[in-house]
Amino acid sequence: MTIDLRNPPIPQALLVLNGIIDFEVLARYVPNVQLVISTDGAAAQLYSQEIVPSVVIGDMDSLPKHIVGVLSKLTRIISLNDQDTTDFEKALIFCKENGISSFYRCLRKL
């Protein structure tokens, strides 16, 4: 398979991790993907900006229960209590298991 780097394929998903999110940059990516996958800590930040991800994944230790309650009515919540993997690893496993092979990762404001 040949990939034209002048016109790369649009990734299937946007993977948002906890950290300092640059919402101006995020807004440019969201319309260009099929899914927005968020770890639990990032979901709280997205919620504060009225952005609802397609999937929230993690152990839910960084997401207040009242936000889990609201988001559970709007999106898919995948709670995995495995403490041997990070939420980022859980999200990557989810992508692999669901055939998501290309994604934008981790928007971090410097």
PDB file of N, CA and C in Angstrom:
ATOM      1  N   MET A   1       0.841  -1.179   0.000  1.00  0.00           N
ATOM      2  CA  MET A   1       0.000   0.000   0.000  1.00  0.00           C
ATOM      3  C   MET A   1       0.888   1.245   0.000  1.00  0.00           C
ATOM      4  N   THR A   2       0.591   2.193  -0.854  1.00  0.00           N
ATOM      5  CA  THR A   2       1.337   3.432  -0.931  1.00  0.00           C
ATOM      6  C   THR A   2       0.515   4.546  -0.293  1.00  0.00           C
ATOM      7  N   ILE A   3       1.168   5.347   0.536  1.00  0.00           N
ATOM      8  CA  ILE A   3       0.487   6.473   1.176  1.00  0.00           C
ATOM      9  C   ILE A   3       1.080   7.762   0.624  1.00  0.00           C
ATOM     10  N   ASP A   4       0.233   8.599   0.098  1.00  0.00           N
ATOM     11  CA  ASP A   4       0.662   9.898  -0.420  1.00  0.00           C
ATOM     12  C   ASP A   4       0.743  10.857   0.758  1.00  0.00           C
ATOM     13  N   LEU A   5       1.958  11.203   1.180  1.00  0.00           N
ATOM     14  CA  LEU A   5       2.133  12.054   2.353  1.00  0.00           C
ATOM     15  C   LEU A   5       1.675  13.493   2.112  1.00  0.00           C
ATOM     16  N   ARG A   6       1.477  13.871   0.851  1.00  0.00           N
ATOM     17  CA  ARG A   6       0.932  15.204   0.571  1.00  0.00           C
ATOM     18  C   ARG A   6      -0.553  15.249   0.901  1.00  0.00           C
ATOM     19  N   ASN A   7      -1.206  14.094   0.815  1.00  0.00           N
ATOM     20  CA  ASN A   7      -2.631  13.968   1.131  1.00  0.00           C
ATOM     21  C   ASN A   7      -2.838  12.722   1.982  1.00  0.00           C
ATOM     22  N   PRO A   8      -2.373  12.749   3.232  1.00  0.00           N
ATOM     23  CA  PRO A   8      -2.485  11.553   4.062  1.00  0.00           C
ATOM     24  C   PRO A   8      -3.941  11.205   4.352  1.00  0.00           C
ATOM     25  N   PRO A   9      -4.203   9.921   4.599  1.00  0.00           N
ATOM     26  CA  PRO A   9      -5.573   9.532   4.922  1.00  0.00           C
ATOM     27  C   PRO A   9      -6.008  10.174   6.243  1.00  0.00           C
ATOM     28  N   ILE A  10      -7.282  10.476   6.328  1.00  0.00           N
ATOM     29  CA  ILE A  10      -7.814  11.060   7.556  1.00  0.00           C
ATOM     30  C   ILE A  10      -7.960   9.943   8.591  1.00  0.00           C
ATOM     31  N   PRO A  11      -7.382  10.130   9.770  1.00  0.00           N
ATOM     32  CA  PRO A  11      -7.520   9.101  10.800  1.00  0.00           C
ATOM     33  C   PRO A  11      -8.976   8.856  11.163  1.00  0.00           C
ATOM     34  N   GLN A  12      -9.220   7.639  11.646  1.00  0.00           N
ATOM     35  CA  GLN A  12     -10.571   7.241  12.010  1.00  0.00           C
ATOM     36  C   GLN A  12     -11.019   7.859  13.324  1.00  0.00           C
ATOM     37  N   ALA A  13     -10.071   8.173  14.204  1.00  0.00           N
ATOM     38  CA  ALA A  13     -10.452   8.609  15.543  1.00  0.00           C
ATOM     39  C   ALA A  13      -9.507   9.674  16.071  1.00  0.00           C
ATOM     40  N   LEU A  14      -9.997  10.362  17.073  1.00  0.00           N
ATOM     41  CA  LEU A  14      -9.203  11.309  17.842  1.00  0.00           C
ATOM     42  C   LEU A  14      -9.123  10.740  19.242  1.00  0.00           C
ATOM     43  N   LEU A  15      -7.925  10.561  19.753  1.00  0.00           N
ATOM     44  CA  LEU A  15      -7.713  10.009  21.085  1.00  0.00           C
ATOM     45  C   LEU A  15      -7.253  11.133  21.987  1.00  0.00           C
ATOM     46  N   VAL A  16      -8.092  11.502  22.972  1.00  0.00           N
ATOM     47  CA  VAL A  16      -7.802  12.617  23.858  1.00  0.00           C
ATOM     48  C   VAL A  16      -7.412  12.065  25.227  1.00  0.00           C
ATOM     49  N   LEU A  17      -6.203  12.461  25.671  1.00  0.00           N
ATOM     50  CA  LEU A  17      -5.674  12.007  26.945  1.00  0.00           C
ATOM     51  C   LEU A  17      -5.711  13.140  27.963  1.00  0.00           C
ATOM     52  N   ASN A  18      -5.642  12.784  29.238  1.00  0.00           N
ATOM     53  CA  ASN A  18      -5.626  13.782  30.289  1.00  0.00           C
ATOM     54  C   ASN A  18      -4.340  14.595  30.215  1.00  0.00           C
ATOM     55  N   GLY A  19      -4.411  15.834  30.523  1.00  0.00           N
ATOM     56  CA  GLY A  19      -3.286  16.756  30.460  1.00  0.00           C
ATOM     57  C   GLY A  19      -3.833  18.128  30.139  1.00  0.00           C
ATOM     58  N   ILE A  20      -3.000  18.983  29.628  1.00  0.00           N
ATOM     59  CA  ILE A  20      -3.427  20.327  29.262  1.00  0.00           C
ATOM     60  C   ILE A  20      -3.859  20.281  27.800  1.00  0.00           C
ATOM     61  N   ILE A  21      -5.134  20.408  27.561  1.00  0.00           N
ATOM     62  CA  ILE A  21      -5.690  20.265  26.217  1.00  0.00           C
ATOM     63  C   ILE A  21      -5.816  21.639  25.565  1.00  0.00           C
ATOM     64  N   ASP A  22      -5.334  21.755  24.353  1.00  0.00           N
ATOM     65  CA  ASP A  22      -5.475  22.973  23.571  1.00  0.00           C
ATOM     66  C   ASP A  22      -6.793  22.849  22.803  1.00  0.00           C
ATOM     67  N   PHE A  23      -7.833  23.488  23.303  1.00  0.00           N
ATOM     68  CA  PHE A  23      -9.163  23.318  22.722  1.00  0.00           C
ATOM     69  C   PHE A  23      -9.298  23.982  21.353  1.00  0.00           C
ATOM     70  N   GLU A  24      -8.481  24.970  21.043  1.00  0.00           N
ATOM     71  CA  GLU A  24      -8.504  25.552  19.697  1.00  0.00           C
ATOM     72  C   GLU A  24      -8.029  24.527  18.677  1.00  0.00           C
ATOM     73  N   VAL A  25      -6.978  23.799  18.999  1.00  0.00           N
ATOM     74  CA  VAL A  25      -6.474  22.756  18.112  1.00  0.00           C
ATOM     75  C   VAL A  25      -7.479  21.609  18.049  1.00  0.00           C
ATOM     76  N   LEU A  26      -7.997  21.218  19.184  1.00  0.00           N
ATOM     77  CA  LEU A  26      -8.973  20.126  19.251  1.00  0.00           C
ATOM     78  C   LEU A  26     -10.154  20.394  18.321  1.00  0.00           C
ATOM     79  N   ALA A  27     -10.634  21.618  18.310  1.00  0.00           N
ATOM     80  CA  ALA A  27     -11.796  21.973  17.486  1.00  0.00           C
ATOM     81  C   ALA A  27     -11.534  21.768  16.000  1.00  0.00           C
ATOM     82  N   ARG A  28     -10.283  21.854  15.580  1.00  0.00           N
ATOM     83  CA  ARG A  28      -9.954  21.631  14.165  1.00  0.00           C
ATOM     84  C   ARG A  28      -9.965  20.150  13.808  1.00  0.00           C
ATOM     85  N   TYR A  29      -9.697  19.285  14.781  1.00  0.00           N
ATOM     86  CA  TYR A  29      -9.624  17.852  14.515  1.00  0.00           C
ATOM     87  C   TYR A  29     -10.978  17.144  14.613  1.00  0.00           C
ATOM     88  N   VAL A  30     -11.820  17.559  15.544  1.00  0.00           N
ATOM     89  CA  VAL A  30     -13.074  16.847  15.825  1.00  0.00           C
ATOM     90  C   VAL A  30     -13.935  16.632  14.580  1.00  0.00           C
ATOM     91  N   PRO A  31     -14.119  17.618  13.701  1.00  0.00           N
ATOM     92  CA  PRO A  31     -14.980  17.379  12.528  1.00  0.00           C
ATOM     93  C   PRO A  31     -14.409  16.384  11.522  1.00  0.00           C
ATOM     94  N   ASN A  32     -13.129  16.057  11.646  1.00  0.00           N
ATOM     95  CA  ASN A  32     -12.477  15.214  10.649  1.00  0.00           C
ATOM     96  C   ASN A  32     -12.343  13.754  11.046  1.00  0.00           C
ATOM     97  N   VAL A  33     -12.977  13.344  12.114  1.00  0.00           N
ATOM     98  CA  VAL A  33     -12.860  11.959  12.560  1.00  0.00           C
ATOM     99  C   VAL A  33     -14.235  11.345  12.782  1.00  0.00           C
ATOM    100  N   GLN A  34     -14.262  10.017  12.771  1.00  0.00           N
ATOM    101  CA  GLN A  34     -15.514   9.304  13.006  1.00  0.00           C
ATOM    102  C   GLN A  34     -15.814   9.169  14.503  1.00  0.00           C
ATOM    103  N   LEU A  35     -14.751   9.048  15.313  1.00  0.00           N
ATOM    104  CA  LEU A  35     -14.907   8.835  16.753  1.00  0.00           C
ATOM    105  C   LEU A  35     -13.994   9.755  17.545  1.00  0.00           C
ATOM    106  N   VAL A  36     -14.472  10.213  18.697  1.00  0.00           N
ATOM    107  CA  VAL A  36     -13.629  10.895  19.665  1.00  0.00           C
ATOM    108  C   VAL A  36     -13.570   9.973  20.879  1.00  0.00           C
ATOM    109  N   ILE A  37     -12.377   9.436  21.133  1.00  0.00           N
ATOM    110  CA  ILE A  37     -12.163   8.520  22.248  1.00  0.00           C
ATOM    111  C   ILE A  37     -11.415   9.291  23.321  1.00  0.00           C
ATOM    112  N   SER A  38     -11.922   9.227  24.542  1.00  0.00           N
ATOM    113  CA  SER A  38     -11.337  10.000  25.625  1.00  0.00           C
ATOM    114  C   SER A  38     -11.028   9.108  26.816  1.00  0.00           C
ATOM    115  N   THR A  39      -9.881   9.365  27.460  1.00  0.00           N
ATOM    116  CA  THR A  39      -9.644   8.716  28.744  1.00  0.00           C
ATOM    117  C   THR A  39     -10.486   9.454  29.781  1.00  0.00           C
ATOM    118  N   ASP A  40     -10.650   8.848  30.956  1.00  0.00           N
ATOM    119  CA  ASP A  40     -11.566   9.430  31.935  1.00  0.00           C
ATOM    120  C   ASP A  40     -11.163  10.836  32.381  1.00  0.00           C
ATOM    121  N   GLY A  41      -9.885  11.090  32.601  1.00  0.00           N
ATOM    122  CA  GLY A  41      -9.453  12.422  33.017  1.00  0.00           C
ATOM    123  C   GLY A  41      -9.699  13.475  31.960  1.00  0.00           C
ATOM    124  N   ALA A  42      -9.471  13.127  30.715  1.00  0.00           N
ATOM    125  CA  ALA A  42      -9.718  14.061  29.622  1.00  0.00           C
ATOM    126  C   ALA A  42     -11.212  14.301  29.447  1.00  0.00           C
ATOM    127  N   ALA A  43     -12.032  13.315  29.745  1.00  0.00           N
ATOM    128  CA  ALA A  43     -13.481  13.454  29.581  1.00  0.00           C
ATOM    129  C   ALA A  43     -14.028  14.571  30.463  1.00  0.00           C
ATOM    130  N   ALA A  44     -13.464  14.722  31.659  1.00  0.00           N
ATOM    131  CA  ALA A  44     -13.904  15.805  32.540  1.00  0.00           C
ATOM    132  C   ALA A  44     -13.617  17.160  31.906  1.00  0.00           C
ATOM    133  N   GLN A  45     -12.456  17.282  31.275  1.00  0.00           N
ATOM    134  CA  GLN A  45     -12.112  18.535  30.606  1.00  0.00           C
ATOM    135  C   GLN A  45     -12.999  18.773  29.381  1.00  0.00           C
ATOM    136  N   LEU A  46     -13.230  17.716  28.613  1.00  0.00           N
ATOM    137  CA  LEU A  46     -14.109  17.846  27.453  1.00  0.00           C
ATOM    138  C   LEU A  46     -15.509  18.270  27.885  1.00  0.00           C
ATOM    139  N   TYR A  47     -16.009  17.650  28.950  1.00  0.00           N
ATOM    140  CA  TYR A  47     -17.342  17.978  29.479  1.00  0.00           C
ATOM    141  C   TYR A  47     -17.416  19.453  29.875  1.00  0.00           C
ATOM    142  N   SER A  48     -16.337  19.965  30.466  1.00  0.00           N
ATOM    143  CA  SER A  48     -16.325  21.374  30.883  1.00  0.00           C
ATOM    144  C   SER A  48     -16.427  22.316  29.688  1.00  0.00           C
ATOM    145  N   GLN A  49     -16.079  21.826  28.505  1.00  0.00           N
ATOM    146  CA  GLN A  49     -16.160  22.612  27.273  1.00  0.00           C
ATOM    147  C   GLN A  49     -17.364  22.211  26.419  1.00  0.00           C
ATOM    148  N   GLU A  50     -18.275  21.429  27.016  1.00  0.00           N
ATOM    149  CA  GLU A  50     -19.491  20.956  26.349  1.00  0.00           C
ATOM    150  C   GLU A  50     -19.194  20.100  25.122  1.00  0.00           C
ATOM    151  N   ILE A  51     -18.122  19.314  25.215  1.00  0.00           N
ATOM    152  CA  ILE A  51     -17.765  18.364  24.163  1.00  0.00           C
ATOM    153  C   ILE A  51     -18.053  16.971  24.702  1.00  0.00           C
ATOM    154  N   VAL A  52     -18.849  16.201  23.975  1.00  0.00           N
ATOM    155  CA  VAL A  52     -19.188  14.848  24.393  1.00  0.00           C
ATOM    156  C   VAL A  52     -18.433  13.860  23.509  1.00  0.00           C
ATOM    157  N   PRO A  53     -17.489  13.109  24.090  1.00  0.00           N
ATOM    158  CA  PRO A  53     -16.761  12.122  23.287  1.00  0.00           C
ATOM    159  C   PRO A  53     -17.663  10.951  22.907  1.00  0.00           C
ATOM    160  N   SER A  54     -17.246  10.210  21.899  1.00  0.00           N
ATOM    161  CA  SER A  54     -17.991   9.019  21.484  1.00  0.00           C
ATOM    162  C   SER A  54     -17.834   7.897  22.500  1.00  0.00           C
ATOM    163  N   VAL A  55     -16.628   7.795  23.070  1.00  0.00           N
ATOM    164  CA  VAL A  55     -16.291   6.739  24.029  1.00  0.00           C
ATOM    165  C   VAL A  55     -15.433   7.349  25.130  1.00  0.00           C
ATOM    166  N   VAL A  56     -15.723   6.986  26.377  1.00  0.00           N
ATOM    167  CA  VAL A  56     -14.869   7.334  27.518  1.00  0.00           C
ATOM    168  C   VAL A  56     -14.357   6.023  28.085  1.00  0.00           C
ATOM    169  N   ILE A  57     -13.036   5.913  28.246  1.00  0.00           N
ATOM    170  CA  ILE A  57     -12.448   4.667  28.709  1.00  0.00           C
ATOM    171  C   ILE A  57     -11.447   4.938  29.819  1.00  0.00           C
ATOM    172  N   GLY A  58     -11.410   4.042  30.787  1.00  0.00           N
ATOM    173  CA  GLY A  58     -10.458   4.162  31.891  1.00  0.00           C
ATOM    174  C   GLY A  58     -11.014   3.532  33.153  1.00  0.00           C
ATOM    175  N   ASP A  59     -10.339   3.790  34.257  1.00  0.00           N
ATOM    176  CA  ASP A  59     -10.804   3.231  35.528  1.00  0.00           C
ATOM    177  C   ASP A  59     -11.762   4.175  36.248  1.00  0.00           C
ATOM    178  N   MET A  60     -12.049   5.302  35.679  1.00  0.00           N
ATOM    179  CA  MET A  60     -12.989   6.321  36.154  1.00  0.00           C
ATOM    180  C   MET A  60     -12.560   6.979  37.463  1.00  0.00           C
ATOM    181  N   ASP A  61     -11.270   6.901  37.768  1.00  0.00           N
ATOM    182  CA  ASP A  61     -10.790   7.525  38.994  1.00  0.00           C
ATOM    183  C   ASP A  61     -10.588   9.033  38.854  1.00  0.00           C
ATOM    184  N   SER A  62     -10.566   9.525  37.624  1.00  0.00           N
ATOM    185  CA  SER A  62     -10.346  10.953  37.383  1.00  0.00           C
ATOM    186  C   SER A  62     -11.603  11.670  36.915  1.00  0.00           C
ATOM    187  N   LEU A  63     -12.714  10.973  36.944  1.00  0.00           N
ATOM    188  CA  LEU A  63     -13.962  11.545  36.444  1.00  0.00           C
ATOM    189  C   LEU A  63     -14.997  11.564  37.572  1.00  0.00           C
ATOM    190  N   PRO A  64     -15.415  12.766  37.999  1.00  0.00           N
ATOM    191  CA  PRO A  64     -16.410  12.844  39.073  1.00  0.00           C
ATOM    192  C   PRO A  64     -17.672  12.048  38.741  1.00  0.00           C
ATOM    193  N   LYS A  65     -18.251  11.431  39.768  1.00  0.00           N
ATOM    194  CA  LYS A  65     -19.414  10.557  39.561  1.00  0.00           C
ATOM    195  C   LYS A  65     -20.583  11.272  38.913  1.00  0.00           C
ATOM    196  N   HIS A  66     -20.791  12.543  39.249  1.00  0.00           N
ATOM    197  CA  HIS A  66     -21.923  13.244  38.626  1.00  0.00           C
ATOM    198  C   HIS A  66     -21.710  13.424  37.124  1.00  0.00           C
ATOM    199  N   ILE A  67     -20.457  13.568  36.697  1.00  0.00           N
ATOM    200  CA  ILE A  67     -20.175  13.672  35.259  1.00  0.00           C
ATOM    201  C   ILE A  67     -20.334  12.310  34.595  1.00  0.00           C
ATOM    202  N   VAL A  68     -19.907  11.235  35.279  1.00  0.00           N
ATOM    203  CA  VAL A  68     -20.130   9.878  34.756  1.00  0.00           C
ATOM    204  C   VAL A  68     -21.619   9.672  34.529  1.00  0.00           C
ATOM    205  N   GLY A  69     -22.436  10.103  35.488  1.00  0.00           N
ATOM    206  CA  GLY A  69     -23.884   9.954  35.371  1.00  0.00           C
ATOM    207  C   GLY A  69     -24.449  10.665  34.155  1.00  0.00           C
ATOM    208  N   VAL A  70     -24.011  11.881  33.926  1.00  0.00           N
ATOM    209  CA  VAL A  70     -24.489  12.652  32.771  1.00  0.00           C
ATOM    210  C   VAL A  70     -23.981  12.027  31.472  1.00  0.00           C
ATOM    211  N   LEU A  71     -22.670  11.750  31.419  1.00  0.00           N
ATOM    212  CA  LEU A  71     -22.100  11.208  30.181  1.00  0.00           C
ATOM    213  C   LEU A  71     -22.634   9.822  29.841  1.00  0.00           C
ATOM    214  N   SER A  72     -22.975   9.028  30.858  1.00  0.00           N
ATOM    215  CA  SER A  72     -23.477   7.675  30.583  1.00  0.00           C
ATOM    216  C   SER A  72     -24.786   7.695  29.792  1.00  0.00           C
ATOM    217  N   LYS A  73     -25.490   8.823  29.825  1.00  0.00           N
ATOM    218  CA  LYS A  73     -26.719   8.958  29.038  1.00  0.00           C
ATOM    219  C   LYS A  73     -26.434   9.426  27.613  1.00  0.00           C
ATOM    220  N   LEU A  74     -25.210   9.918  27.375  1.00  0.00           N
ATOM    221  CA  LEU A  74     -24.888  10.532  26.096  1.00  0.00           C
ATOM    222  C   LEU A  74     -23.851   9.770  25.277  1.00  0.00           C
ATOM    223  N   THR A  75     -23.066   8.922  25.924  1.00  0.00           N
ATOM    224  CA  THR A  75     -21.947   8.296  25.252  1.00  0.00           C
ATOM    225  C   THR A  75     -21.685   6.910  25.835  1.00  0.00           C
ATOM    226  N   ARG A  76     -20.770   6.209  25.238  1.00  0.00           N
ATOM    227  CA  ARG A  76     -20.386   4.882  25.718  1.00  0.00           C
ATOM    228  C   ARG A  76     -19.289   5.031  26.772  1.00  0.00           C
ATOM    229  N   ILE A  77     -19.535   4.520  27.964  1.00  0.00           N
ATOM    230  CA  ILE A  77     -18.566   4.542  29.067  1.00  0.00           C
ATOM    231  C   ILE A  77     -18.023   3.130  29.230  1.00  0.00           C
ATOM    232  N   ILE A  78     -16.698   2.994  29.169  1.00  0.00           N
ATOM    233  CA  ILE A  78     -16.056   1.694  29.367  1.00  0.00           C
ATOM    234  C   ILE A  78     -15.182   1.804  30.609  1.00  0.00           C
ATOM    235  N   SER A  79     -15.674   1.253  31.704  1.00  0.00           N
ATOM    236  CA  SER A  79     -14.956   1.310  32.976  1.00  0.00           C
ATOM    237  C   SER A  79     -14.155   0.027  33.161  1.00  0.00           C
ATOM    238  N   LEU A  80     -12.830   0.177  33.222  1.00  0.00           N
ATOM    239  CA  LEU A  80     -11.928  -0.961  33.390  1.00  0.00           C
ATOM    240  C   LEU A  80     -11.076  -0.716  34.637  1.00  0.00           C
ATOM    241  N   ASN A  81     -11.257  -1.532  35.640  1.00  0.00           N
ATOM    242  CA  ASN A  81     -10.575  -1.321  36.914  1.00  0.00           C
ATOM    243  C   ASN A  81      -9.156  -1.859  36.960  1.00  0.00           C
ATOM    244  N   ASP A  82      -8.643  -2.342  35.860  1.00  0.00           N
ATOM    245  CA  ASP A  82      -7.297  -2.888  35.788  1.00  0.00           C
ATOM    246  C   ASP A  82      -6.270  -1.816  36.166  1.00  0.00           C
ATOM    247  N   GLN A  83      -5.574  -2.007  37.267  1.00  0.00           N
ATOM    248  CA  GLN A  83      -4.576  -1.040  37.721  1.00  0.00           C
ATOM    249  C   GLN A  83      -3.182  -1.338  37.175  1.00  0.00           C
ATOM    250  N   ASP A  84      -3.053  -2.384  36.363  1.00  0.00           N
ATOM    251  CA  ASP A  84      -1.758  -2.730  35.777  1.00  0.00           C
ATOM    252  C   ASP A  84      -1.520  -2.063  34.425  1.00  0.00           C
ATOM    253  N   THR A  85      -2.542  -1.388  33.907  1.00  0.00           N
ATOM    254  CA  THR A  85      -2.390  -0.666  32.648  1.00  0.00           C
ATOM    255  C   THR A  85      -2.864   0.775  32.836  1.00  0.00           C
ATOM    256  N   THR A  86      -2.268   1.677  32.078  1.00  0.00           N
ATOM    257  CA  THR A  86      -2.699   3.072  32.127  1.00  0.00           C
ATOM    258  C   THR A  86      -3.975   3.241  31.312  1.00  0.00           C
ATOM    259  N   ASP A  87      -4.635   4.360  31.505  1.00  0.00           N
ATOM    260  CA  ASP A  87      -5.827   4.632  30.707  1.00  0.00           C
ATOM    261  C   ASP A  87      -5.467   4.774  29.227  1.00  0.00           C
ATOM    262  N   PHE A  88      -4.279   5.298  28.941  1.00  0.00           N
ATOM    263  CA  PHE A  88      -3.810   5.388  27.554  1.00  0.00           C
ATOM    264  C   PHE A  88      -3.692   3.993  26.956  1.00  0.00           C
ATOM    265  N   GLU A  89      -3.106   3.053  27.705  1.00  0.00           N
ATOM    266  CA  GLU A  89      -2.994   1.674  27.219  1.00  0.00           C
ATOM    267  C   GLU A  89      -4.369   1.057  27.015  1.00  0.00           C
ATOM    268  N   LYS A  90      -5.299   1.327  27.934  1.00  0.00           N
ATOM    269  CA  LYS A  90      -6.663   0.812  27.796  1.00  0.00           C
ATOM    270  C   LYS A  90      -7.305   1.345  26.518  1.00  0.00           C
ATOM    271  N   ALA A  91      -7.065   2.616  26.225  1.00  0.00           N
ATOM    272  CA  ALA A  91      -7.620   3.216  25.011  1.00  0.00           C
ATOM    273  C   ALA A  91      -6.993   2.613  23.757  1.00  0.00           C
ATOM    274  N   LEU A  92      -5.692   2.366  23.787  1.00  0.00           N
ATOM    275  CA  LEU A  92      -5.032   1.735  22.641  1.00  0.00           C
ATOM    276  C   LEU A  92      -5.555   0.314  22.412  1.00  0.00           C
ATOM    277  N   ILE A  93      -5.765  -0.423  23.479  1.00  0.00           N
ATOM    278  CA  ILE A  93      -6.325  -1.780  23.369  1.00  0.00           C
ATOM    279  C   ILE A  93      -7.722  -1.710  22.771  1.00  0.00           C
ATOM    280  N   PHE A  94      -8.525  -0.752  23.226  1.00  0.00           N
ATOM    281  CA  PHE A  94      -9.870  -0.563  22.675  1.00  0.00           C
ATOM    282  C   PHE A  94      -9.782  -0.308  21.173  1.00  0.00           C
ATOM    283  N   CYS A  95      -8.862   0.567  20.765  1.00  0.00           N
ATOM    284  CA  CYS A  95      -8.700   0.865  19.336  1.00  0.00           C
ATOM    285  C   CYS A  95      -8.347  -0.395  18.554  1.00  0.00           C
ATOM    286  N   LYS A  96      -7.383  -1.145  19.058  1.00  0.00           N
ATOM    287  CA  LYS A  96      -6.961  -2.366  18.370  1.00  0.00           C
ATOM    288  C   LYS A  96      -8.108  -3.365  18.255  1.00  0.00           C
ATOM    289  N   GLU A  97      -8.827  -3.582  19.361  1.00  0.00           N
ATOM    290  CA  GLU A  97      -9.938  -4.553  19.369  1.00  0.00           C
ATOM    291  C   GLU A  97     -11.089  -4.134  18.461  1.00  0.00           C
ATOM    292  N   ASN A  98     -11.190  -2.834  18.175  1.00  0.00           N
ATOM    293  CA  ASN A  98     -12.286  -2.340  17.349  1.00  0.00           C
ATOM    294  C   ASN A  98     -11.837  -1.943  15.946  1.00  0.00           C
ATOM    295  N   GLY A  99     -10.635  -2.374  15.565  1.00  0.00           N
ATOM    296  CA  GLY A  99     -10.161  -2.157  14.208  1.00  0.00           C
ATOM    297  C   GLY A  99      -9.832  -0.710  13.877  1.00  0.00           C
ATOM    298  N   ILE A 100      -9.590   0.093  14.888  1.00  0.00           N
ATOM    299  CA  ILE A 100      -9.225   1.488  14.663  1.00  0.00           C
ATOM    300  C   ILE A 100      -7.710   1.541  14.556  1.00  0.00           C
ATOM    301  N   SER A 101      -7.242   1.747  13.338  1.00  0.00           N
ATOM    302  CA  SER A 101      -5.807   1.646  13.107  1.00  0.00           C
ATOM    303  C   SER A 101      -5.127   2.995  12.908  1.00  0.00           C
ATOM    304  N   SER A 102      -5.900   4.042  12.784  1.00  0.00           N
ATOM    305  CA  SER A 102      -5.289   5.361  12.626  1.00  0.00           C
ATOM    306  C   SER A 102      -6.057   6.375  13.465  1.00  0.00           C
ATOM    307  N   PHE A 103      -5.293   7.193  14.177  1.00  0.00           N
ATOM    308  CA  PHE A 103      -5.923   8.196  15.022  1.00  0.00           C
ATOM    309  C   PHE A 103      -4.961   9.330  15.320  1.00  0.00           C
ATOM    310  N   TYR A 104      -5.545  10.482  15.616  1.00  0.00           N
ATOM    311  CA  TYR A 104      -4.782  11.596  16.151  1.00  0.00           C
ATOM    312  C   TYR A 104      -4.665  11.331  17.648  1.00  0.00           C
ATOM    313  N   ARG A 105      -3.522  11.626  18.226  1.00  0.00           N
ATOM    314  CA  ARG A 105      -3.311  11.318  19.638  1.00  0.00           C
ATOM    315  C   ARG A 105      -2.981  12.570  20.425  1.00  0.00           C
ATOM    316  N   CYS A 106      -3.515  12.639  21.608  1.00  0.00           N
ATOM    317  CA  CYS A 106      -3.051  13.495  22.688  1.00  0.00           C
ATOM    318  C   CYS A 106      -2.752  14.925  22.280  1.00  0.00           C
ATOM    319  N   LEU A 107      -3.709  15.779  22.370  1.00  0.00           N
ATOM    320  CA  LEU A 107      -3.502  17.189  22.067  1.00  0.00           C
ATOM    321  C   LEU A 107      -3.048  17.895  23.330  1.00  0.00           C
ATOM    322  N   ARG A 108      -1.819  18.340  23.346  1.00  0.00           N
ATOM    323  CA  ARG A 108      -1.260  18.926  24.551  1.00  0.00           C
ATOM    324  C   ARG A 108      -0.773  20.341  24.270  1.00  0.00           C
ATOM    325  N   LYS A 109      -1.254  21.273  25.066  1.00  0.00           N
ATOM    326  CA  LYS A 109      -0.845  22.670  24.917  1.00  0.00           C
ATOM    327  C   LYS A 109       0.494  22.861  25.627  1.00  0.00           C
ATOM    328  N   LEU A 110       1.424  23.479  24.951  1.00  0.00           N
ATOM    329  CA  LEU A 110       2.749  23.703  25.538  1.00  0.00           C
ATOM    330  C   LEU A 110       2.842  25.070  26.174  1.00  0.00           C
TER     331      LEU A 110
END
